PDB file of N, CA and C in Angstrom:
ATOM      1  N   MET A   1      88.750   6.313  52.311  1.00  0.00           N
ATOM      2  CA  MET A   1      88.749   4.900  51.307  1.00  0.00           C
ATOM      3  C   MET A   1      89.978   4.972  50.774  1.00  0.00           C
ATOM      4  N   THR A   2      90.794   3.771  50.890  1.00  0.00           N
ATOM      5  CA  THR A   2      92.025   3.656  50.139  1.00  0.00           C
ATOM      6  C   THR A   2      92.210   3.377  48.916  1.00  0.00           C
ATOM      7  N   GLU A   3      92.866   3.937  48.088  1.00  0.00           N
ATOM      8  CA  GLU A   3      92.689   3.595  46.382  1.00  0.00           C
ATOM      9  C   GLU A   3      94.058   2.253  46.224  1.00  0.00           C
ATOM     10  N   MET A   4      93.635   1.773  45.279  1.00  0.00           N
ATOM     11  CA  MET A   4      94.376   0.401  44.814  1.00  0.00           C
ATOM     12  C   MET A   4      95.843   1.143  44.146  1.00  0.00           C
ATOM     13  N   TYR A   5      96.932   0.367  44.470  1.00  0.00           N
ATOM     14  CA  TYR A   5      98.058   0.994  43.782  1.00  0.00           C
ATOM     15  C   TYR A   5      98.903  -0.101  42.725  1.00  0.00           C
ATOM     16  N   ALA A   6      99.015   0.112  41.762  1.00  0.00           N
ATOM     17  CA  ALA A   6      99.787  -0.772  40.906  1.00  0.00           C
ATOM     18  C   ALA A   6     101.233  -0.398  41.086  1.00  0.00           C
ATOM     19  N   HIS A   7     101.884  -1.628  40.769  1.00  0.00           N
ATOM     20  CA  HIS A   7     103.442  -1.292  40.717  1.00  0.00           C
ATOM     21  C   HIS A   7     103.830  -1.822  39.312  1.00  0.00           C
ATOM     22  N   VAL A   8     104.460  -0.483  38.566  1.00  0.00           N
ATOM     23  CA  VAL A   8     104.629  -1.147  37.092  1.00  0.00           C
ATOM     24  C   VAL A   8     106.203  -1.020  37.057  1.00  0.00           C
ATOM     25  N   SER A   9     106.293  -1.910  36.016  1.00  0.00           N
ATOM     26  CA  SER A   9     107.733  -1.755  35.507  1.00  0.00           C
ATOM     27  C   SER A   9     107.954  -1.310  34.038  1.00  0.00           C
ATOM     28  N   VAL A  10     108.619  -0.404  33.930  1.00  0.00           N
ATOM     29  CA  VAL A  10     108.642   0.213  32.542  1.00  0.00           C
ATOM     30  C   VAL A  10     110.286   0.228  32.206  1.00  0.00           C
ATOM     31  N   LYS A  11     110.676   0.202  31.141  1.00  0.00           N
ATOM     32  CA  LYS A  11     111.708   0.211  30.334  1.00  0.00           C
ATOM     33  C   LYS A  11     112.122   1.476  29.686  1.00  0.00           C
ATOM     34  N   ILE A  12     113.118   2.120  30.102  1.00  0.00           N
ATOM     35  CA  ILE A  12     113.129   3.444  28.790  1.00  0.00           C
ATOM     36  C   ILE A  12     114.800   3.404  28.686  1.00  0.00           C
ATOM     37  N   LEU A  13     115.204   3.391  27.655  1.00  0.00           N
ATOM     38  CA  LEU A  13     116.382   3.119  27.127  1.00  0.00           C
ATOM     39  C   LEU A  13     117.628   2.226  27.670  1.00  0.00           C
ATOM     40  N   GLU A  14     116.915   1.169  27.688  1.00  0.00           N
ATOM     41  CA  GLU A  14     117.172  -0.413  28.526  1.00  0.00           C
ATOM     42  C   GLU A  14     117.549   0.101  30.106  1.00  0.00           C
ATOM     43  N   LYS A  15     117.079   0.784  30.416  1.00  0.00           N
ATOM     44  CA  LYS A  15     116.786   0.822  32.017  1.00  0.00           C
ATOM     45  C   LYS A  15     115.630   0.796  32.373  1.00  0.00           C
ATOM     46  N   GLU A  16     115.568  -0.371  33.627  1.00  0.00           N
ATOM     47  CA  GLU A  16     114.018  -0.495  33.977  1.00  0.00           C
ATOM     48  C   GLU A  16     113.975   0.333  35.356  1.00  0.00           C
ATOM     49  N   TYR A  17     112.883   0.912  35.291  1.00  0.00           N
ATOM     50  CA  TYR A  17     112.055   1.491  36.717  1.00  0.00           C
ATOM     51  C   TYR A  17     110.913   0.756  37.240  1.00  0.00           C
ATOM     52  N   GLN A  18     110.716   0.921  38.512  1.00  0.00           N
ATOM     53  CA  GLN A  18     109.862   0.674  39.261  1.00  0.00           C
ATOM     54  C   GLN A  18     109.172   1.907  39.715  1.00  0.00           C
ATOM     55  N   ILE A  19     107.619   1.751  39.320  1.00  0.00           N
ATOM     56  CA  ILE A  19     106.896   3.090  39.769  1.00  0.00           C
ATOM     57  C   ILE A  19     105.632   2.494  40.255  1.00  0.00           C
ATOM     58  N   SER A  20     105.340   3.068  41.308  1.00  0.00           N
ATOM     59  CA  SER A  20     103.825   2.862  42.083  1.00  0.00           C
ATOM     60  C   SER A  20     102.722   4.041  41.117  1.00  0.00           C
ATOM     61  N   CYS A  21     101.995   3.502  41.098  1.00  0.00           N
ATOM     62  CA  CYS A  21     100.463   4.566  40.688  1.00  0.00           C
ATOM     63  C   CYS A  21      99.099   3.926  41.062  1.00  0.00           C
ATOM     64  N   PRO A  22      98.415   5.068  40.984  1.00  0.00           N
ATOM     65  CA  PRO A  22      96.750   4.146  41.339  1.00  0.00           C
ATOM     66  C   PRO A  22      96.280   3.195  40.086  1.00  0.00           C
ATOM     67  N   ALA A  23      95.732   2.129  40.594  1.00  0.00           N
ATOM     68  CA  ALA A  23      95.471   1.000  39.746  1.00  0.00           C
ATOM     69  C   ALA A  23      94.976   1.677  38.542  1.00  0.00           C
ATOM     70  N   ASP A  24      93.855   2.469  38.412  1.00  0.00           N
ATOM     71  CA  ASP A  24      93.426   2.969  37.102  1.00  0.00           C
ATOM     72  C   ASP A  24      94.283   3.459  36.365  1.00  0.00           C
ATOM     73  N   GLU A  25      95.510   4.225  36.787  1.00  0.00           N
ATOM     74  CA  GLU A  25      96.410   4.977  36.204  1.00  0.00           C
ATOM     75  C   GLU A  25      97.262   4.136  35.279  1.00  0.00           C
ATOM     76  N   ARG A  26      97.163   3.037  35.662  1.00  0.00           N
ATOM     77  CA  ARG A  26      98.419   1.977  35.079  1.00  0.00           C
ATOM     78  C   ARG A  26      98.515   2.139  33.599  1.00  0.00           C
ATOM     79  N   LYS A  27      97.437   2.406  32.753  1.00  0.00           N
ATOM     80  CA  LYS A  27      97.720   2.138  31.089  1.00  0.00           C
ATOM     81  C   LYS A  27      98.413   3.352  30.947  1.00  0.00           C
ATOM     82  N   ALA A  28      97.947   4.500  31.536  1.00  0.00           N
ATOM     83  CA  ALA A  28      98.455   5.822  31.292  1.00  0.00           C
ATOM     84  C   ALA A  28      99.779   6.071  30.986  1.00  0.00           C
ATOM     85  N   LEU A  29     100.007   5.249  32.239  1.00  0.00           N
ATOM     86  CA  LEU A  29     101.447   5.301  32.865  1.00  0.00           C
ATOM     87  C   LEU A  29     102.408   4.676  31.775  1.00  0.00           C
ATOM     88  N   VAL A  30     102.131   3.476  31.554  1.00  0.00           N
ATOM     89  CA  VAL A  30     102.711   2.637  30.590  1.00  0.00           C
ATOM     90  C   VAL A  30     102.789   3.215  29.380  1.00  0.00           C
ATOM     91  N   ASP A  31     102.074   3.883  28.577  1.00  0.00           N
ATOM     92  CA  ASP A  31     101.502   4.609  27.392  1.00  0.00           C
ATOM     93  C   ASP A  31     102.528   5.554  27.497  1.00  0.00           C
ATOM     94  N   SER A  32     102.650   6.496  28.585  1.00  0.00           N
ATOM     95  CA  SER A  32     103.529   7.812  28.851  1.00  0.00           C
ATOM     96  C   SER A  32     105.162   7.193  28.732  1.00  0.00           C
ATOM     97  N   ALA A  33     105.253   6.174  29.646  1.00  0.00           N
ATOM     98  CA  ALA A  33     106.705   5.300  29.515  1.00  0.00           C
ATOM     99  C   ALA A  33     107.342   4.909  27.876  1.00  0.00           C
ATOM    100  N   GLU A  34     106.073   4.319  27.059  1.00  0.00           N
ATOM    101  CA  GLU A  34     106.594   4.156  26.038  1.00  0.00           C
ATOM    102  C   GLU A  34     106.581   5.282  24.916  1.00  0.00           C
ATOM    103  N   MET A  35     106.185   6.157  25.214  1.00  0.00           N
ATOM    104  CA  MET A  35     106.147   7.632  24.414  1.00  0.00           C
ATOM    105  C   MET A  35     107.360   8.102  24.843  1.00  0.00           C
ATOM    106  N   LEU A  36     107.618   8.148  25.939  1.00  0.00           N
ATOM    107  CA  LEU A  36     109.105   8.851  26.754  1.00  0.00           C
ATOM    108  C   LEU A  36     110.224   8.075  26.187  1.00  0.00           C
ATOM    109  N   ASN A  37     109.951   6.809  26.109  1.00  0.00           N
ATOM    110  CA  ASN A  37     111.228   5.596  25.647  1.00  0.00           C
ATOM    111  C   ASN A  37     111.392   5.777  23.782  1.00  0.00           C
ATOM    112  N   ALA A  38     110.157   5.858  23.220  1.00  0.00           N
ATOM    113  CA  ALA A  38     110.190   6.311  21.669  1.00  0.00           C
ATOM    114  C   ALA A  38     111.389   7.552  21.623  1.00  0.00           C
ATOM    115  N   LYS A  39     110.668   8.410  22.536  1.00  0.00           N
ATOM    116  CA  LYS A  39     111.526   9.937  21.920  1.00  0.00           C
ATOM    117  C   LYS A  39     112.766   9.991  22.312  1.00  0.00           C
ATOM    118  N   MET A  40     112.909   9.763  23.367  1.00  0.00           N
ATOM    119  CA  MET A  40     114.582   9.793  23.656  1.00  0.00           C
ATOM    120  C   MET A  40     115.000   8.442  23.044  1.00  0.00           C
ATOM    121  N   ARG A  41     114.574   7.285  22.280  1.00  0.00           N
ATOM    122  CA  ARG A  41     115.533   6.800  21.387  1.00  0.00           C
ATOM    123  C   ARG A  41     116.023   7.718  20.040  1.00  0.00           C
ATOM    124  N   GLU A  42     114.638   8.231  19.759  1.00  0.00           N
ATOM    125  CA  GLU A  42     114.879   9.404  18.661  1.00  0.00           C
ATOM    126  C   GLU A  42     115.795  10.214  19.095  1.00  0.00           C
ATOM    127  N   ILE A  43     115.919  10.808  19.840  1.00  0.00           N
ATOM    128  CA  ILE A  43     117.256  11.861  20.112  1.00  0.00           C
ATOM    129  C   ILE A  43     118.267  10.799  20.227  1.00  0.00           C
ATOM    130  N   ARG A  44     118.417  10.029  20.917  1.00  0.00           N
ATOM    131  CA  ARG A  44     119.756   9.362  21.297  1.00  0.00           C
ATOM    132  C   ARG A  44     120.185   8.646  19.448  1.00  0.00           C
ATOM    133  N   ASP A  45     119.327   7.946  18.923  1.00  0.00           N
ATOM    134  CA  ASP A  45     119.789   7.847  17.311  1.00  0.00           C
ATOM    135  C   ASP A  45     120.367   8.500  16.705  1.00  0.00           C
ATOM    136  N   SER A  46     119.573   9.892  16.656  1.00  0.00           N
ATOM    137  CA  SER A  46     119.765  11.273  15.906  1.00  0.00           C
ATOM    138  C   SER A  46     121.466  11.426  15.718  1.00  0.00           C
ATOM    139  N   GLY A  47     122.540  10.841  17.064  1.00  0.00           N
ATOM    140  CA  GLY A  47     123.816  11.481  17.175  1.00  0.00           C
ATOM    141  C   GLY A  47     124.204  12.567  17.894  1.00  0.00           C
ATOM    142  N   LYS A  48     123.047  13.691  17.959  1.00  0.00           N
ATOM    143  CA  LYS A  48     123.316  14.981  18.020  1.00  0.00           C
ATOM    144  C   LYS A  48     123.360  15.033  19.581  1.00  0.00           C
ATOM    145  N   VAL A  49     122.744  14.598  20.476  1.00  0.00           N
ATOM    146  CA  VAL A  49     123.087  14.485  21.924  1.00  0.00           C
ATOM    147  C   VAL A  49     123.789  13.483  22.203  1.00  0.00           C
ATOM    148  N   VAL A  50     124.275  13.618  23.418  1.00  0.00           N
ATOM    149  CA  VAL A  50     125.403  12.663  23.987  1.00  0.00           C
ATOM    150  C   VAL A  50     125.177  12.347  25.317  1.00  0.00           C
ATOM    151  N   GLY A  51     124.968  11.419  25.719  1.00  0.00           N
ATOM    152  CA  GLY A  51     124.503  11.500  27.424  1.00  0.00           C
ATOM    153  C   GLY A  51     122.764  11.204  27.973  1.00  0.00           C
ATOM    154  N   LEU A  52     122.839  10.366  29.044  1.00  0.00           N
ATOM    155  CA  LEU A  52     121.207  10.156  29.244  1.00  0.00           C
ATOM    156  C   LEU A  52     120.610  11.590  29.547  1.00  0.00           C
ATOM    157  N   ASP A  53     121.539  12.181  30.498  1.00  0.00           N
ATOM    158  CA  ASP A  53     120.671  13.376  31.264  1.00  0.00           C
ATOM    159  C   ASP A  53     120.395  14.344  30.149  1.00  0.00           C
ATOM    160  N   ARG A  54     121.421  14.561  29.116  1.00  0.00           N
ATOM    161  CA  ARG A  54     121.084  15.504  28.091  1.00  0.00           C
ATOM    162  C   ARG A  54     119.970  14.933  27.133  1.00  0.00           C
ATOM    163  N   ILE A  55     119.789  13.648  26.506  1.00  0.00           N
ATOM    164  CA  ILE A  55     119.000  13.199  25.988  1.00  0.00           C
ATOM    165  C   ILE A  55     117.540  13.149  26.768  1.00  0.00           C
ATOM    166  N   ALA A  56     117.196  12.924  28.443  1.00  0.00           N
ATOM    167  CA  ALA A  56     116.216  13.074  28.807  1.00  0.00           C
ATOM    168  C   ALA A  56     115.682  14.705  29.074  1.00  0.00           C
ATOM    169  N   VAL A  57     116.522  15.341  29.087  1.00  0.00           N
ATOM    170  CA  VAL A  57     116.075  16.959  29.399  1.00  0.00           C
ATOM    171  C   VAL A  57     115.679  17.201  27.633  1.00  0.00           C
ATOM    172  N   MET A  58     116.193  16.750  26.727  1.00  0.00           N
ATOM    173  CA  MET A  58     115.849  17.193  25.122  1.00  0.00           C
ATOM    174  C   MET A  58     114.595  16.572  24.730  1.00  0.00           C
ATOM    175  N   ALA A  59     114.329  15.529  25.134  1.00  0.00           N
ATOM    176  CA  ALA A  59     112.698  14.659  25.374  1.00  0.00           C
ATOM    177  C   ALA A  59     111.783  15.440  25.951  1.00  0.00           C
ATOM    178  N   ALA A  60     112.269  15.931  27.013  1.00  0.00           N
ATOM    179  CA  ALA A  60     111.237  16.536  27.820  1.00  0.00           C
ATOM    180  C   ALA A  60     110.634  18.002  27.265  1.00  0.00           C
ATOM    181  N   LEU A  61     111.885  18.827  26.753  1.00  0.00           N
ATOM    182  CA  LEU A  61     111.756  19.611  26.220  1.00  0.00           C
ATOM    183  C   LEU A  61     110.831  19.680  24.975  1.00  0.00           C
ATOM    184  N   ASN A  62     110.997  18.853  24.035  1.00  0.00           N
ATOM    185  CA  ASN A  62     110.485  18.501  22.998  1.00  0.00           C
ATOM    186  C   ASN A  62     109.057  18.119  23.177  1.00  0.00           C
ATOM    187  N   MET A  63     108.918  17.392  24.451  1.00  0.00           N
ATOM    188  CA  MET A  63     107.340  16.870  24.722  1.00  0.00           C
ATOM    189  C   MET A  63     106.645  17.942  25.501  1.00  0.00           C
ATOM    190  N   ALA A  64     107.582  18.823  25.925  1.00  0.00           N
ATOM    191  CA  ALA A  64     106.516  20.200  26.594  1.00  0.00           C
ATOM    192  C   ALA A  64     106.209  20.810  25.295  1.00  0.00           C
ATOM    193  N   ASN A  65     106.846  20.754  24.719  1.00  0.00           N
ATOM    194  CA  ASN A  65     106.784  22.015  23.268  1.00  0.00           C
ATOM    195  C   ASN A  65     105.743  21.411  22.278  1.00  0.00           C
ATOM    196  N   GLU A  66     105.627  20.232  22.129  1.00  0.00           N
ATOM    197  CA  GLU A  66     104.483  19.536  21.675  1.00  0.00           C
ATOM    198  C   GLU A  66     102.983  19.707  22.484  1.00  0.00           C
ATOM    199  N   LEU A  67     103.029  19.483  23.817  1.00  0.00           N
ATOM    200  CA  LEU A  67     102.221  19.952  24.571  1.00  0.00           C
ATOM    201  C   LEU A  67     101.619  21.134  24.871  1.00  0.00           C
ATOM    202  N   ILE A  68     102.443  22.231  24.793  1.00  0.00           N
ATOM    203  CA  ILE A  68     101.454  23.501  24.251  1.00  0.00           C
ATOM    204  C   ILE A  68     101.260  23.936  23.146  1.00  0.00           C
ATOM    205  N   THR A  69     101.708  23.222  22.109  1.00  0.00           N
ATOM    206  CA  THR A  69     101.429  23.536  20.788  1.00  0.00           C
ATOM    207  C   THR A  69      99.863  22.869  20.725  1.00  0.00           C
ATOM    208  N   PHE A  70      99.757  21.926  21.131  1.00  0.00           N
ATOM    209  CA  PHE A  70      98.357  21.123  20.853  1.00  0.00           C
ATOM    210  C   PHE A  70      97.427  22.031  22.023  1.00  0.00           C
ATOM    211  N   LYS A  71      97.912  22.674  23.417  1.00  0.00           N
ATOM    212  CA  LYS A  71      96.878  23.366  23.822  1.00  0.00           C
ATOM    213  C   LYS A  71      96.856  24.674  23.286  1.00  0.00           C
ATOM    214  N   ASP A  72      97.595  25.313  22.652  1.00  0.00           N
ATOM    215  CA  ASP A  72      97.156  26.489  21.841  1.00  0.00           C
ATOM    216  C   ASP A  72      95.993  26.188  20.676  1.00  0.00           C
ATOM    217  N   LYS A  73      96.393  25.181  19.779  1.00  0.00           N
ATOM    218  CA  LYS A  73      95.590  24.747  18.897  1.00  0.00           C
ATOM    219  C   LYS A  73      94.127  24.717  19.293  1.00  0.00           C
ATOM    220  N   GLY A  74      94.104  23.703  20.680  1.00  0.00           N
ATOM    221  CA  GLY A  74      92.794  23.613  21.365  1.00  0.00           C
ATOM    222  C   GLY A  74      91.927  24.796  21.506  1.00  0.00           C
ATOM    223  N   ASP A  75      92.969  25.728  22.367  1.00  0.00           N
ATOM    224  CA  ASP A  75      92.323  27.179  22.501  1.00  0.00           C
ATOM    225  C   ASP A  75      91.618  27.692  21.627  1.00  0.00           C
ATOM    226  N   ASN A  76      92.426  27.782  20.424  1.00  0.00           N
ATOM    227  CA  ASN A  76      91.682  28.429  19.288  1.00  0.00           C
ATOM    228  C   ASN A  76      90.307  27.691  18.664  1.00  0.00           C
ATOM    229  N   ILE A  77      90.495  26.599  18.624  1.00  0.00           N
ATOM    230  CA  ILE A  77      89.603  25.864  18.190  1.00  0.00           C
ATOM    231  C   ILE A  77      88.245  26.401  18.802  1.00  0.00           C
ATOM    232  N   GLU A  78      88.428  26.410  20.263  1.00  0.00           N
ATOM    233  CA  GLU A  78      87.801  26.474  21.195  1.00  0.00           C
ATOM    234  C   GLU A  78      86.810  27.998  21.100  1.00  0.00           C
ATOM    235  N   THR A  79      87.933  28.847  20.963  1.00  0.00           N
ATOM    236  CA  THR A  79      87.553  30.212  20.776  1.00  0.00           C
ATOM    237  C   THR A  79      86.620  30.778  19.302  1.00  0.00           C
ATOM    238  N   ASN A  80      87.000  29.602  18.576  1.00  0.00           N
ATOM    239  CA  ASN A  80      86.494  29.746  17.153  1.00  0.00           C
ATOM    240  C   ASN A  80      84.786  29.425  17.492  1.00  0.00           C
ATOM    241  N   ALA A  81      84.531  27.935  18.374  1.00  0.00           N
ATOM    242  CA  ALA A  81      83.612  27.293  18.253  1.00  0.00           C
ATOM    243  C   ALA A  81      82.587  28.655  18.984  1.00  0.00           C
ATOM    244  N   LYS A  82      83.216  29.005  20.089  1.00  0.00           N
ATOM    245  CA  LYS A  82      82.289  29.927  20.597  1.00  0.00           C
ATOM    246  C   LYS A  82      81.798  31.221  20.373  1.00  0.00           C
ATOM    247  N   GLY A  83      82.711  31.598  19.309  1.00  0.00           N
ATOM    248  CA  GLY A  83      82.242  32.736  18.340  1.00  0.00           C
ATOM    249  C   GLY A  83      80.872  32.280  17.528  1.00  0.00           C
ATOM    250  N   LYS A  84      80.844  31.459  16.938  1.00  0.00           N
ATOM    251  CA  LYS A  84      80.392  30.717  16.131  1.00  0.00           C
ATOM    252  C   LYS A  84      78.968  30.322  16.676  1.00  0.00           C
ATOM    253  N   VAL A  85      78.914  29.927  18.328  1.00  0.00           N
ATOM    254  CA  VAL A  85      77.703  29.595  19.125  1.00  0.00           C
ATOM    255  C   VAL A  85      77.041  30.804  19.183  1.00  0.00           C
ATOM    256  N   ILE A  86      77.849  32.234  19.209  1.00  0.00           N
ATOM    257  CA  ILE A  86      77.079  33.229  20.074  1.00  0.00           C
ATOM    258  C   ILE A  86      76.463  33.741  18.636  1.00  0.00           C
ATOM    259  N   ALA A  87      77.045  33.838  17.300  1.00  0.00           N
ATOM    260  CA  ALA A  87      76.704  34.520  16.249  1.00  0.00           C
ATOM    261  C   ALA A  87      75.022  33.654  16.048  1.00  0.00           C
ATOM    262  N   MET A  88      75.225  32.156  15.982  1.00  0.00           N
ATOM    263  CA  MET A  88      74.224  31.364  15.783  1.00  0.00           C
ATOM    264  C   MET A  88      72.893  32.210  17.043  1.00  0.00           C
ATOM    265  N   ARG A  89      73.258  32.187  18.289  1.00  0.00           N
ATOM    266  CA  ARG A  89      72.277  32.233  19.158  1.00  0.00           C
ATOM    267  C   ARG A  89      71.683  33.742  18.882  1.00  0.00           C
ATOM    268  N   GLU A  90      72.649  34.539  18.416  1.00  0.00           N
ATOM    269  CA  GLU A  90      72.173  36.018  17.936  1.00  0.00           C
ATOM    270  C   GLU A  90      71.216  36.065  16.803  1.00  0.00           C
ATOM    271  N   ARG A  91      71.532  34.885  15.878  1.00  0.00           N
ATOM    272  CA  ARG A  91      70.757  34.781  14.480  1.00  0.00           C
ATOM    273  C   ARG A  91      69.138  34.440  15.120  1.00  0.00           C
ATOM    274  N   VAL A  92      69.106  33.565  15.952  1.00  0.00           N
ATOM    275  CA  VAL A  92      67.795  32.604  16.535  1.00  0.00           C
ATOM    276  C   VAL A  92      67.177  33.676  17.325  1.00  0.00           C
ATOM    277  N   GLU A  93      67.937  34.615  18.040  1.00  0.00           N
ATOM    278  CA  GLU A  93      67.036  35.630  19.092  1.00  0.00           C
ATOM    279  C   GLU A  93      66.504  36.516  18.301  1.00  0.00           C
ATOM    280  N   SER A  94      67.172  36.942  17.124  1.00  0.00           N
ATOM    281  CA  SER A  94      66.714  37.752  16.237  1.00  0.00           C
ATOM    282  C   SER A  94      65.458  37.188  15.505  1.00  0.00           C
ATOM    283  N   ALA A  95      65.618  36.281  15.019  1.00  0.00           N
ATOM    284  CA  ALA A  95      64.385  35.533  14.230  1.00  0.00           C
ATOM    285  C   ALA A  95      63.197  35.412  15.443  1.00  0.00           C
ATOM    286  N   LEU A  96      63.468  34.997  16.516  1.00  0.00           N
ATOM    287  CA  LEU A  96      62.422  35.145  17.548  1.00  0.00           C
ATOM    288  C   LEU A  96      61.528  36.071  17.606  1.00  0.00           C
ATOM    289  N   GLN A  97      62.469  37.093  17.637  1.00  0.00           N
ATOM    290  CA  GLN A  97      61.945  38.233  17.985  1.00  0.00           C
ATOM    291  C   GLN A  97      61.164  39.184  16.987  1.00  0.00           C
ATOM    292  N   SER A  98      61.675  38.702  15.592  1.00  0.00           N
ATOM    293  CA  SER A  98      60.989  39.137  14.526  1.00  0.00           C
ATOM    294  C   SER A  98      59.903  38.539  14.078  1.00  0.00           C
ATOM    295  N   GLY A  99      59.723  37.076  14.693  1.00  0.00           N
ATOM    296  CA  GLY A  99      58.334  36.142  14.275  1.00  0.00           C
ATOM    297  C   GLY A  99      58.932  35.350  12.721  1.00  0.00           C
ATOM    298  N   ARG A 100      59.950  35.833  12.198  1.00  0.00           N
ATOM    299  CA  ARG A 100      60.044  34.937  11.003  1.00  0.00           C
ATOM    300  C   ARG A 100      60.706  33.597  11.197  1.00  0.00           C
ATOM    301  N   GLN A 101      60.452  32.901   9.949  1.00  0.00           N
ATOM    302  CA  GLN A 101      61.263  31.486   9.721  1.00  0.00           C
ATOM    303  C   GLN A 101      62.787  31.925   9.931  1.00  0.00           C
ATOM    304  N   LEU A 102      63.748  31.083  10.064  1.00  0.00           N
ATOM    305  CA  LEU A 102      64.881  31.015  10.264  1.00  0.00           C
ATOM    306  C   LEU A 102      65.567  30.010   9.204  1.00  0.00           C
ATOM    307  N   GLU A 103      66.499  30.603   8.306  1.00  0.00           N
ATOM    308  CA  GLU A 103      66.891  29.802   7.092  1.00  0.00           C
ATOM    309  C   GLU A 103      68.200  29.435   7.863  1.00  0.00           C
ATOM    310  N   LEU A 104      68.738  28.115   7.730  1.00  0.00           N
ATOM    311  CA  LEU A 104      69.961  27.333   8.175  1.00  0.00           C
ATOM    312  C   LEU A 104      70.540  27.255   6.786  1.00  0.00           C
TER     313      LEU A 104
END
């Protein structure tokens, strides 16, 4: 079965790029390009980085750092949730074994 592809035009720092992607990923591609464009504009407008290549690398590094930070926070939340579920399960099992009413 062949997948339908979309041809998308995105503009990043006043330069237009033609990109093909699966049709159902079009919105995600456009959103990603807009996010990248905003990050690159922010870096360019700061005046601290000169040159399109350097701006692109700095934007990529910043976005990768944000992704890793969010992933780490998500991992911590998942670990905490697992601990709470295990503790609740142990309380329920203990209550069932002793035949007493469980207080929540």
